Amino acid sequence: SNQLGSIFGHTYVTTGSLLDDHHWHSIIIERHGRNINLTLDRHMQHFRTNGEFDYLDLDYEITFGGMPFSGKPSSNSRKNFKGCMESINYNGNNITDLAKRKKLEPSNVGNLSFSCVEPHTVPVFFNATSYLEVPGRPSQDLFSVSFLFRTWNPSGLLLFSKFADGLGNVEIDINEGKVSVHINVTQVKKNRIDISS
């Protein structure tokens, strides 16, 4: 902004998508006058700030992870960040290391912990002949299953279960890079349901 007249100095840039995937992402912002480099996960975007000024007077606090309640954000995001940050560097200073050693002056960091809780998941690796078998639940009218998977192979059986009394089966597979669900019911005329995505 400019006290001498109305100058449109607001610059807004968006990059990335689906970043709430619980994986680490890296962001680098470099400013050289009005020229900005914004790098997200090694994808760089160049832009130029609006307005007339080549310099910024950063004479207030810089906050990472949110802002105090007294702050007035220009964006709609008023919630502070919930998650983990590491390797925070500002103009060559390692902010995370300084905060951990309580060397930031002045510092009002709130309730920080210097550890990042990772999800407690245990992966299972399957080779071409292995499988994991668990007992089913007879006389249940509900079937609910969820899992995460990753593979380099375009095809493979993910789940298989026979219905009781030989009444059919259900199978979930990945076929040519697509997930398919097949439900075979032997007691009805339209005895096969196929869903692919």
C-alpha atoms as a PDB file:
ATOM      1  CA  SER A   1       0.000   0.000   0.000  1.00  0.00           C
ATOM      2  CA  ASN A   2       0.996   3.615  -0.462  1.00  0.00           C
ATOM      3  CA  GLN A   3      -0.036   6.607   1.652  1.00  0.00           C
ATOM      4  CA  LEU A   4       0.274   8.944  -1.344  1.00  0.00           C
ATOM      5  CA  GLY A   5      -2.360   7.287  -3.492  1.00  0.00           C
ATOM      6  CA  SER A   6      -4.290   4.118  -4.192  1.00  0.00           C
ATOM      7  CA  ILE A   7      -1.927   1.555  -5.665  1.00  0.00           C
ATOM      8  CA  PHE A   8      -2.950  -2.062  -6.114  1.00  0.00           C
ATOM      9  CA  GLY A   9      -0.151  -3.787  -4.237  1.00  0.00           C
ATOM     10  CA  HIS A  10      -1.829  -7.084  -3.340  1.00  0.00           C
ATOM     11  CA  THR A  11      -0.141 -10.112  -4.932  1.00  0.00           C
ATOM     12  CA  TYR A  12      -1.720 -13.563  -4.561  1.00  0.00           C
ATOM     13  CA  VAL A  13      -0.229 -16.765  -5.979  1.00  0.00           C
ATOM     14  CA  THR A  14      -1.406 -20.359  -5.543  1.00  0.00           C
ATOM     15  CA  THR A  15       0.524 -23.543  -6.254  1.00  0.00           C
ATOM     16  CA  GLY A  16       0.194 -27.268  -5.543  1.00  0.00           C
ATOM     17  CA  SER A  17      -2.801 -29.483  -4.852  1.00  0.00           C
ATOM     18  CA  LEU A  18      -3.758 -32.255  -2.420  1.00  0.00           C
ATOM     19  CA  LEU A  19      -0.923 -31.394  -0.048  1.00  0.00           C
ATOM     20  CA  ASP A  20      -2.772 -32.824   2.979  1.00  0.00           C
ATOM     21  CA  ASP A  21      -1.470 -36.326   2.197  1.00  0.00           C
ATOM     22  CA  HIS A  22       0.675 -36.746   5.362  1.00  0.00           C
ATOM     23  CA  HIS A  23       3.881 -36.666   3.324  1.00  0.00           C
ATOM     24  CA  TRP A  24       6.676 -34.118   3.688  1.00  0.00           C
ATOM     25  CA  HIS A  25       6.568 -31.203   1.244  1.00  0.00           C
ATOM     26  CA  SER A  26       9.226 -28.555   0.782  1.00  0.00           C
ATOM     27  CA  ILE A  27       8.559 -24.871   0.119  1.00  0.00           C
ATOM     28  CA  ILE A  28      11.143 -22.199  -0.725  1.00  0.00           C
ATOM     29  CA  ILE A  29      10.338 -18.498  -1.207  1.00  0.00           C
ATOM     30  CA  GLU A  30      13.077 -16.236  -2.562  1.00  0.00           C
ATOM     31  CA  ARG A  31      12.560 -12.505  -3.175  1.00  0.00           C
ATOM     32  CA  HIS A  32      14.835 -10.311  -5.278  1.00  0.00           C
ATOM     33  CA  GLY A  33      13.206  -6.890  -5.376  1.00  0.00           C
ATOM     34  CA  ARG A  34       9.798  -7.435  -6.982  1.00  0.00           C
ATOM     35  CA  ASN A  35      10.805 -10.779  -8.509  1.00  0.00           C
ATOM     36  CA  ILE A  36       9.718 -13.840  -6.532  1.00  0.00           C
ATOM     37  CA  ASN A  37      10.623 -17.499  -6.928  1.00  0.00           C
ATOM     38  CA  LEU A  38       8.158 -19.865  -5.241  1.00  0.00           C
ATOM     39  CA  THR A  39       9.302 -23.490  -5.228  1.00  0.00           C
ATOM     40  CA  LEU A  40       7.034 -26.287  -4.002  1.00  0.00           C
ATOM     41  CA  ASP A  41       8.477 -29.799  -4.095  1.00  0.00           C
ATOM     42  CA  ARG A  42      11.086 -28.732  -6.708  1.00  0.00           C
ATOM     43  CA  HIS A  43       8.434 -27.143  -8.979  1.00  0.00           C
ATOM     44  CA  MET A  44       9.408 -23.472  -9.366  1.00  0.00           C
ATOM     45  CA  GLN A  45       7.038 -20.637 -10.185  1.00  0.00           C
ATOM     46  CA  HIS A  46       8.311 -17.161 -11.124  1.00  0.00           C
ATOM     47  CA  PHE A  47       6.166 -14.061 -10.594  1.00  0.00           C
ATOM     48  CA  ARG A  48       6.474 -10.324 -10.066  1.00  0.00           C
ATOM     49  CA  THR A  49       4.767  -8.474  -7.224  1.00  0.00           C
ATOM     50  CA  ASN A  50       2.187  -5.785  -7.880  1.00  0.00           C
ATOM     51  CA  GLY A  51       2.757  -2.220  -6.673  1.00  0.00           C
ATOM     52  CA  GLU A  52       5.722   0.107  -7.031  1.00  0.00           C
ATOM     53  CA  PHE A  53       8.126  -0.935  -4.303  1.00  0.00           C
ATOM     54  CA  ASP A  54      11.268  -3.041  -4.763  1.00  0.00           C
ATOM     55  CA  TYR A  55      11.823  -3.543  -1.034  1.00  0.00           C
ATOM     56  CA  LEU A  56       9.819  -4.667   1.989  1.00  0.00           C
ATOM     57  CA  ASP A  57      10.097  -3.147   5.454  1.00  0.00           C
ATOM     58  CA  LEU A  58       9.715  -6.274   7.578  1.00  0.00           C
ATOM     59  CA  ASP A  59       9.688  -4.375  10.870  1.00  0.00           C
ATOM     60  CA  TYR A  60       7.141  -6.631  12.594  1.00  0.00           C
ATOM     61  CA  GLU A  61       7.404 -10.225  13.770  1.00  0.00           C
ATOM     62  CA  ILE A  62       7.448 -13.024  11.228  1.00  0.00           C
ATOM     63  CA  THR A  63       5.391 -15.993  12.393  1.00  0.00           C
ATOM     64  CA  PHE A  64       5.573 -19.562  11.110  1.00  0.00           C
ATOM     65  CA  GLY A  65       2.626 -21.930  11.511  1.00  0.00           C
ATOM     66  CA  GLY A  66       0.030 -19.235  12.073  1.00  0.00           C
ATOM     67  CA  MET A  67      -0.352 -15.884  13.727  1.00  0.00           C
ATOM     68  CA  PRO A  68      -1.336 -14.466  17.109  1.00  0.00           C
ATOM     69  CA  PHE A  69      -5.003 -13.677  17.725  1.00  0.00           C
ATOM     70  CA  SER A  70      -4.179  -9.980  17.323  1.00  0.00           C
ATOM     71  CA  GLY A  71      -3.116 -10.515  13.706  1.00  0.00           C
ATOM     72  CA  LYS A  72      -5.290  -9.609  10.737  1.00  0.00           C
ATOM     73  CA  PRO A  73      -4.651 -11.997   7.825  1.00  0.00           C
ATOM     74  CA  SER A  74      -5.441 -10.826   4.311  1.00  0.00           C
ATOM     75  CA  SER A  75      -6.507 -14.347   3.325  1.00  0.00           C
ATOM     76  CA  ASN A  76      -9.536 -16.322   4.486  1.00  0.00           C
ATOM     77  CA  SER A  77      -7.370 -18.850   6.364  1.00  0.00           C
ATOM     78  CA  ARG A  78      -7.593 -17.838  10.013  1.00  0.00           C
ATOM     79  CA  LYS A  79      -6.803 -21.278  11.427  1.00  0.00           C
ATOM     80  CA  ASN A  80      -3.250 -21.854  12.550  1.00  0.00           C
ATOM     81  CA  PHE A  81      -1.402 -24.739  10.915  1.00  0.00           C
ATOM     82  CA  LYS A  82      -1.770 -28.161  12.543  1.00  0.00           C
ATOM     83  CA  GLY A  83       1.045 -30.485  11.548  1.00  0.00           C
ATOM     84  CA  CYS A  84       4.831 -30.626  11.444  1.00  0.00           C
ATOM     85  CA  MET A  85       7.457 -28.296  10.040  1.00  0.00           C
ATOM     86  CA  GLU A  86      11.172 -28.924   9.913  1.00  0.00           C
ATOM     87  CA  SER A  87      14.246 -27.112   8.589  1.00  0.00           C
ATOM     88  CA  ILE A  88      12.683 -23.634   8.798  1.00  0.00           C
ATOM     89  CA  ASN A  89      15.321 -21.243   7.480  1.00  0.00           C
ATOM     90  CA  TYR A  90      14.930 -17.477   7.241  1.00  0.00           C
ATOM     91  CA  ASN A  91      17.715 -15.440   5.608  1.00  0.00           C
ATOM     92  CA  GLY A  92      20.255 -18.127   6.475  1.00  0.00           C
ATOM     93  CA  ASN A  93      19.116 -18.631  10.085  1.00  0.00           C
ATOM     94  CA  ASN A  94      17.852 -22.064  11.159  1.00  0.00           C
ATOM     95  CA  ILE A  95      14.695 -20.994  13.010  1.00  0.00           C
ATOM     96  CA  THR A  96      13.771 -24.484  14.256  1.00  0.00           C
ATOM     97  CA  ASP A  97      17.194 -24.966  15.803  1.00  0.00           C
ATOM     98  CA  LEU A  98      17.114 -21.514  17.431  1.00  0.00           C
ATOM     99  CA  ALA A  99      13.617 -22.145  18.796  1.00  0.00           C
ATOM    100  CA  LYS A 100      14.640 -25.532  20.196  1.00  0.00           C
ATOM    101  CA  ARG A 101      17.635 -23.965  21.959  1.00  0.00           C
ATOM    102  CA  LYS A 102      15.436 -21.013  23.101  1.00  0.00           C
ATOM    103  CA  LYS A 103      17.675 -18.535  21.286  1.00  0.00           C
ATOM    104  CA  LEU A 104      14.863 -16.558  19.612  1.00  0.00           C
ATOM    105  CA  GLU A 105      14.530 -13.007  20.997  1.00  0.00           C
ATOM    106  CA  PRO A 106      11.763 -12.055  21.583  1.00  0.00           C
ATOM    107  CA  SER A 107       9.899 -15.330  21.363  1.00  0.00           C
ATOM    108  CA  ASN A 108       6.292 -16.220  22.056  1.00  0.00           C
ATOM    109  CA  VAL A 109       5.941 -19.603  20.418  1.00  0.00           C
ATOM    110  CA  GLY A 110       2.940 -20.999  22.285  1.00  0.00           C
ATOM    111  CA  ASN A 111       2.607 -24.745  22.820  1.00  0.00           C
ATOM    112  CA  LEU A 112       5.294 -26.278  20.595  1.00  0.00           C
ATOM    113  CA  SER A 113       6.806 -29.728  20.811  1.00  0.00           C
ATOM    114  CA  PHE A 114      10.034 -30.589  19.035  1.00  0.00           C
ATOM    115  CA  SER A 115       8.950 -33.985  17.821  1.00  0.00           C
ATOM    116  CA  CYS A 116       6.604 -35.077  15.080  1.00  0.00           C
ATOM    117  CA  VAL A 117       4.265 -37.972  15.746  1.00  0.00           C
ATOM    118  CA  GLU A 118       4.270 -40.296  12.778  1.00  0.00           C
ATOM    119  CA  PRO A 119       1.211 -42.439  12.093  1.00  0.00           C
ATOM    120  CA  HIS A 120       1.441 -45.868  13.676  1.00  0.00           C
ATOM    121  CA  THR A 121       0.914 -47.967  10.566  1.00  0.00           C
ATOM    122  CA  VAL A 122       2.575 -51.289   9.891  1.00  0.00           C
ATOM    123  CA  PRO A 123       2.995 -52.057   6.193  1.00  0.00           C
ATOM    124  CA  VAL A 124       2.808 -55.591   4.822  1.00  0.00           C
ATOM    125  CA  PHE A 125       4.776 -56.642   1.750  1.00  0.00           C
ATOM    126  CA  PHE A 126       3.296 -59.329  -0.488  1.00  0.00           C
ATOM    127  CA  ASN A 127       5.272 -61.283  -3.066  1.00  0.00           C
ATOM    128  CA  ALA A 128       3.721 -63.246  -5.929  1.00  0.00           C
ATOM    129  CA  THR A 129       2.751 -66.229  -3.709  1.00  0.00           C
ATOM    130  CA  SER A 130       1.939 -64.656  -0.319  1.00  0.00           C
ATOM    131  CA  TYR A 131      -1.404 -63.630   1.158  1.00  0.00           C
ATOM    132  CA  LEU A 132      -2.857 -62.615   4.515  1.00  0.00           C
ATOM    133  CA  GLU A 133      -5.911 -64.552   5.727  1.00  0.00           C
ATOM    134  CA  VAL A 134      -8.263 -63.445   8.508  1.00  0.00           C
ATOM    135  CA  PRO A 135     -11.463 -65.134   9.712  1.00  0.00           C
ATOM    136  CA  GLY A 136     -14.737 -63.816   8.296  1.00  0.00           C
ATOM    137  CA  ARG A 137     -17.906 -62.988  10.226  1.00  0.00           C
ATOM    138  CA  PRO A 138     -20.792 -65.284   9.347  1.00  0.00           C
ATOM    139  CA  SER A 139     -24.429 -64.095   9.425  1.00  0.00           C
ATOM    140  CA  GLN A 140     -23.496 -60.431   8.926  1.00  0.00           C
ATOM    141  CA  ASP A 141     -25.355 -58.205   6.450  1.00  0.00           C
ATOM    142  CA  LEU A 142     -22.587 -55.565   6.493  1.00  0.00           C
ATOM    143  CA  PHE A 143     -19.283 -55.785   4.630  1.00  0.00           C
ATOM    144  CA  SER A 144     -16.880 -52.878   5.188  1.00  0.00           C
ATOM    145  CA  VAL A 145     -13.164 -52.905   4.401  1.00  0.00           C
ATOM    146  CA  SER A 146     -10.518 -50.208   3.905  1.00  0.00           C
ATOM    147  CA  PHE A 147      -6.794 -50.257   3.240  1.00  0.00           C
ATOM    148  CA  LEU A 148      -4.010 -48.286   1.595  1.00  0.00           C
ATOM    149  CA  PHE A 149      -1.866 -49.882  -1.072  1.00  0.00           C
ATOM    150  CA  ARG A 150       0.990 -49.028  -3.376  1.00  0.00           C
ATOM    151  CA  THR A 151       2.554 -51.073  -6.130  1.00  0.00           C
ATOM    152  CA  TRP A 152       4.542 -50.854  -9.349  1.00  0.00           C
ATOM    153  CA  ASN A 153       2.540 -53.738 -10.852  1.00  0.00           C
ATOM    154  CA  PRO A 154      -0.466 -52.896 -13.045  1.00  0.00           C
ATOM    155  CA  SER A 155      -2.427 -56.029 -12.033  1.00  0.00           C
ATOM    156  CA  GLY A 156      -3.004 -58.106  -8.909  1.00  0.00           C
ATOM    157  CA  LEU A 157      -5.674 -59.423  -6.556  1.00  0.00           C
ATOM    158  CA  LEU A 158      -6.167 -57.166  -3.524  1.00  0.00           C
ATOM    159  CA  LEU A 159      -8.990 -58.957  -1.686  1.00  0.00           C
ATOM    160  CA  PHE A 160     -10.994 -62.142  -2.100  1.00  0.00           C
ATOM    161  CA  SER A 161     -13.744 -63.708   0.020  1.00  0.00           C
ATOM    162  CA  LYS A 162     -16.189 -66.544  -0.555  1.00  0.00           C
ATOM    163  CA  PHE A 163     -19.765 -66.190   0.705  1.00  0.00           C
ATOM    164  CA  ALA A 164     -21.007 -68.804   3.130  1.00  0.00           C
ATOM    165  CA  ASP A 165     -22.794 -71.918   1.840  1.00  0.00           C
ATOM    166  CA  GLY A 166     -21.257 -71.503  -1.635  1.00  0.00           C
ATOM    167  CA  LEU A 167     -23.482 -68.519  -2.464  1.00  0.00           C
ATOM    168  CA  GLY A 168     -20.797 -66.626  -4.404  1.00  0.00           C
ATOM    169  CA  ASN A 169     -17.796 -64.430  -3.739  1.00  0.00           C
ATOM    170  CA  VAL A 170     -16.428 -60.892  -3.730  1.00  0.00           C
ATOM    171  CA  GLU A 171     -13.067 -59.852  -5.109  1.00  0.00           C
ATOM    172  CA  ILE A 172     -11.231 -56.551  -5.429  1.00  0.00           C
ATOM    173  CA  ASP A 173      -8.355 -56.355  -7.862  1.00  0.00           C
ATOM    174  CA  ILE A 174      -6.172 -53.912  -9.705  1.00  0.00           C
ATOM    175  CA  ASN A 175      -6.238 -54.599 -13.421  1.00  0.00           C
ATOM    176  CA  GLU A 176      -4.243 -52.517 -15.915  1.00  0.00           C
ATOM    177  CA  GLY A 177      -3.902 -49.773 -13.314  1.00  0.00           C
ATOM    178  CA  LYS A 178      -7.628 -49.647 -12.427  1.00  0.00           C
ATOM    179  CA  VAL A 179      -9.345 -50.942  -9.307  1.00  0.00           C
ATOM    180  CA  SER A 180     -12.254 -53.305  -9.945  1.00  0.00           C
ATOM    181  CA  VAL A 181     -14.808 -54.834  -7.590  1.00  0.00           C
ATOM    182  CA  HIS A 182     -16.542 -58.071  -8.645  1.00  0.00           C
ATOM    183  CA  ILE A 183     -19.475 -59.471  -6.670  1.00  0.00           C
ATOM    184  CA  ASN A 184     -20.763 -62.896  -7.764  1.00  0.00           C
ATOM    185  CA  VAL A 185     -24.049 -64.065  -6.278  1.00  0.00           C
ATOM    186  CA  THR A 186     -25.172 -67.541  -7.364  1.00  0.00           C
ATOM    187  CA  GLN A 187     -28.792 -67.421  -6.120  1.00  0.00           C
ATOM    188  CA  VAL A 188     -30.138 -64.651  -8.392  1.00  0.00           C
ATOM    189  CA  LYS A 189     -30.566 -64.216 -12.147  1.00  0.00           C
ATOM    190  CA  LYS A 190     -28.328 -61.150 -12.458  1.00  0.00           C
ATOM    191  CA  ASN A 191     -25.584 -62.880 -10.584  1.00  0.00           C
ATOM    192  CA  ARG A 192     -22.537 -60.651 -11.258  1.00  0.00           C
ATOM    193  CA  ILE A 193     -21.876 -57.011 -10.381  1.00  0.00           C
ATOM    194  CA  ASP A 194     -18.726 -55.345 -11.729  1.00  0.00           C
ATOM    195  CA  ILE A 195     -17.548 -51.905 -10.605  1.00  0.00           C
ATOM    196  CA  SER A 196     -14.402 -50.313 -11.987  1.00  0.00           C
ATOM    197  CA  SER A 197     -12.625 -47.058 -11.177  1.00  0.00           C
END
